[in-house]
Amino acid sequence: MKKNVLIKPIISEKAESLSENLNQYSFIVDRRANKVEIKEAIKEMFSVEVASVRTMVMPAKAKSRNTRSGLVKGRVSSYKKAIIRLAEGEEIDFFSDI
């Protein structure tokens, strides 16, 4: 059973500044994936050389919002985030197909 390691890239202001300045890219990954599996998935999908992988589990957060019918409470699930640093001269272009 092969699991889908990479779920989606994180596109935010902080992630964009990391990619522009430090050649690091952020992804949401499967909770069960380890650093070696993440590195291999990046190599296979984007054909780039990976220098290092850092992972962290982002905790769940409680959220609430006001609506016409009152206060609605919910939560955002926890997820695993990976920050990948590419080798010198390598680059990933997420917007090439647009």
C-alpha atoms as a PDB file:
ATOM      1  CA  MET A   1       0.000   0.000   0.000  1.00  0.00           C
ATOM      2  CA  LYS A   2       1.658   3.198  -1.168  1.00  0.00           C
ATOM      3  CA  LYS A   3       0.604   6.279   0.735  1.00  0.00           C
ATOM      4  CA  ASN A   4       0.324   9.725  -0.800  1.00  0.00           C
ATOM      5  CA  VAL A   5       3.164  11.519   1.018  1.00  0.00           C
ATOM      6  CA  LEU A   6       2.766  15.073  -0.323  1.00  0.00           C
ATOM      7  CA  ILE A   7      -0.691  16.555   0.174  1.00  0.00           C
ATOM      8  CA  LYS A   8      -0.226  20.159  -0.996  1.00  0.00           C
ATOM      9  CA  PRO A   9       2.282  23.012  -0.982  1.00  0.00           C
ATOM     10  CA  ILE A  10       1.831  25.881   1.459  1.00  0.00           C
ATOM     11  CA  ILE A  11       1.477  29.190  -0.386  1.00  0.00           C
ATOM     12  CA  SER A  12       1.642  32.057   2.115  1.00  0.00           C
ATOM     13  CA  GLU A  13       3.674  35.216   2.569  1.00  0.00           C
ATOM     14  CA  LYS A  14       6.064  33.521   4.974  1.00  0.00           C
ATOM     15  CA  ALA A  15       6.481  30.466   2.734  1.00  0.00           C
ATOM     16  CA  GLU A  16       7.111  32.685  -0.314  1.00  0.00           C
ATOM     17  CA  SER A  17       9.792  34.682   1.500  1.00  0.00           C
ATOM     18  CA  LEU A  18      11.468  31.408   2.574  1.00  0.00           C
ATOM     19  CA  SER A  19      11.513  30.180  -1.017  1.00  0.00           C
ATOM     20  CA  GLU A  20      12.843  33.463  -2.425  1.00  0.00           C
ATOM     21  CA  ASN A  21      15.522  34.136   0.201  1.00  0.00           C
ATOM     22  CA  LEU A  22      16.592  30.751   1.584  1.00  0.00           C
ATOM     23  CA  ASN A  23      15.604  28.257  -1.161  1.00  0.00           C
ATOM     24  CA  GLN A  24      13.187  26.489   1.233  1.00  0.00           C
ATOM     25  CA  TYR A  25       9.714  25.222   0.327  1.00  0.00           C
ATOM     26  CA  SER A  26       6.845  24.266   2.653  1.00  0.00           C
ATOM     27  CA  PHE A  27       4.435  21.362   2.157  1.00  0.00           C
ATOM     28  CA  ILE A  28       1.596  19.744   4.076  1.00  0.00           C
ATOM     29  CA  VAL A  29       2.473  16.045   4.237  1.00  0.00           C
ATOM     30  CA  ASP A  30       0.952  12.807   5.482  1.00  0.00           C
ATOM     31  CA  ARG A  31       1.136  12.472   9.280  1.00  0.00           C
ATOM     32  CA  ARG A  32       2.758   9.014   8.981  1.00  0.00           C
ATOM     33  CA  ALA A  33       5.462  10.085   6.499  1.00  0.00           C
ATOM     34  CA  ASN A  34       9.053  10.288   7.704  1.00  0.00           C
ATOM     35  CA  LYS A  35      11.856  12.535   6.431  1.00  0.00           C
ATOM     36  CA  VAL A  36      13.307   9.927   4.074  1.00  0.00           C
ATOM     37  CA  GLU A  37       9.921   9.295   2.419  1.00  0.00           C
ATOM     38  CA  ILE A  38       9.298  13.034   2.067  1.00  0.00           C
ATOM     39  CA  LYS A  39      12.722  13.538   0.476  1.00  0.00           C
ATOM     40  CA  GLU A  40      12.121  10.729  -2.043  1.00  0.00           C
ATOM     41  CA  ALA A  41       8.639  12.058  -2.918  1.00  0.00           C
ATOM     42  CA  ILE A  42      10.026  15.552  -3.609  1.00  0.00           C
ATOM     43  CA  LYS A  43      12.819  14.099  -5.773  1.00  0.00           C
ATOM     44  CA  GLU A  44      10.352  12.004  -7.755  1.00  0.00           C
ATOM     45  CA  MET A  45       7.673  14.665  -8.237  1.00  0.00           C
ATOM     46  CA  PHE A  46       9.796  17.742  -8.980  1.00  0.00           C
ATOM     47  CA  SER A  47      13.117  16.214 -10.203  1.00  0.00           C
ATOM     48  CA  VAL A  48      15.240  18.301  -7.819  1.00  0.00           C
ATOM     49  CA  GLU A  49      18.037  17.543  -5.332  1.00  0.00           C
ATOM     50  CA  VAL A  50      16.950  17.927  -1.682  1.00  0.00           C
ATOM     51  CA  ALA A  51      19.554  19.144   0.822  1.00  0.00           C
ATOM     52  CA  SER A  52      17.525  18.809   4.045  1.00  0.00           C
ATOM     53  CA  VAL A  53      14.029  18.145   5.392  1.00  0.00           C
ATOM     54  CA  ARG A  54      12.567  19.583   8.600  1.00  0.00           C
ATOM     55  CA  THR A  55       9.180  18.391   9.866  1.00  0.00           C
ATOM     56  CA  MET A  56       6.772  19.618  12.503  1.00  0.00           C
ATOM     57  CA  VAL A  57       3.268  18.713  13.629  1.00  0.00           C
ATOM     58  CA  MET A  58       1.057  21.785  13.768  1.00  0.00           C
ATOM     59  CA  PRO A  59      -1.495  21.487  16.613  1.00  0.00           C
ATOM     60  CA  ALA A  60      -5.261  21.642  16.215  1.00  0.00           C
ATOM     61  CA  LYS A  61      -6.921  24.996  16.925  1.00  0.00           C
ATOM     62  CA  ALA A  62     -10.360  25.873  18.245  1.00  0.00           C
ATOM     63  CA  LYS A  63     -12.160  28.426  16.095  1.00  0.00           C
ATOM     64  CA  SER A  64     -15.390  30.331  16.621  1.00  0.00           C
ATOM     65  CA  ARG A  65     -17.338  32.796  14.508  1.00  0.00           C
ATOM     66  CA  ASN A  66     -20.405  34.934  14.933  1.00  0.00           C
ATOM     67  CA  THR A  67     -23.365  34.263  12.669  1.00  0.00           C
ATOM     68  CA  ARG A  68     -26.987  35.340  12.553  1.00  0.00           C
ATOM     69  CA  SER A  69     -28.016  32.322  14.575  1.00  0.00           C
ATOM     70  CA  GLY A  70     -25.349  32.896  17.232  1.00  0.00           C
ATOM     71  CA  LEU A  71     -21.855  31.706  17.978  1.00  0.00           C
ATOM     72  CA  VAL A  72     -20.650  28.715  15.941  1.00  0.00           C
ATOM     73  CA  LYS A  73     -17.755  26.758  17.434  1.00  0.00           C
ATOM     74  CA  GLY A  74     -15.532  24.351  15.568  1.00  0.00           C
ATOM     75  CA  ARG A  75     -11.938  23.313  15.200  1.00  0.00           C
ATOM     76  CA  VAL A  76      -9.188  23.061  12.605  1.00  0.00           C
ATOM     77  CA  SER A  77      -7.497  19.658  12.474  1.00  0.00           C
ATOM     78  CA  SER A  78      -3.806  19.212  13.204  1.00  0.00           C
ATOM     79  CA  TYR A  79      -1.455  18.490  10.305  1.00  0.00           C
ATOM     80  CA  LYS A  80       2.183  17.726   9.598  1.00  0.00           C
ATOM     81  CA  LYS A  81       4.272  20.359   7.833  1.00  0.00           C
ATOM     82  CA  ALA A  82       7.607  19.798   6.094  1.00  0.00           C
ATOM     83  CA  ILE A  83      10.110  22.499   5.156  1.00  0.00           C
ATOM     84  CA  ILE A  84      12.424  21.323   2.387  1.00  0.00           C
ATOM     85  CA  ARG A  85      15.731  23.032   1.593  1.00  0.00           C
ATOM     86  CA  LEU A  86      16.909  22.398  -1.946  1.00  0.00           C
ATOM     87  CA  ALA A  87      20.492  22.081  -3.129  1.00  0.00           C
ATOM     88  CA  GLU A  88      22.215  25.188  -4.494  1.00  0.00           C
ATOM     89  CA  GLY A  89      20.892  26.174  -7.929  1.00  0.00           C
ATOM     90  CA  GLU A  90      17.711  24.057  -7.694  1.00  0.00           C
ATOM     91  CA  GLU A  91      14.218  25.602  -7.848  1.00  0.00           C
ATOM     92  CA  ILE A  92      10.566  24.503  -7.775  1.00  0.00           C
ATOM     93  CA  ASP A  93       8.065  26.486  -9.854  1.00  0.00           C
ATOM     94  CA  PHE A  94       4.508  25.837  -8.608  1.00  0.00           C
ATOM     95  CA  PHE A  95       2.907  28.250 -11.086  1.00  0.00           C
ATOM     96  CA  SER A  96       4.419  26.985 -14.364  1.00  0.00           C
ATOM     97  CA  ASP A  97       1.158  25.330 -15.519  1.00  0.00           C
ATOM     98  CA  ILE A  98      -0.973  28.442 -15.076  1.00  0.00           C
END
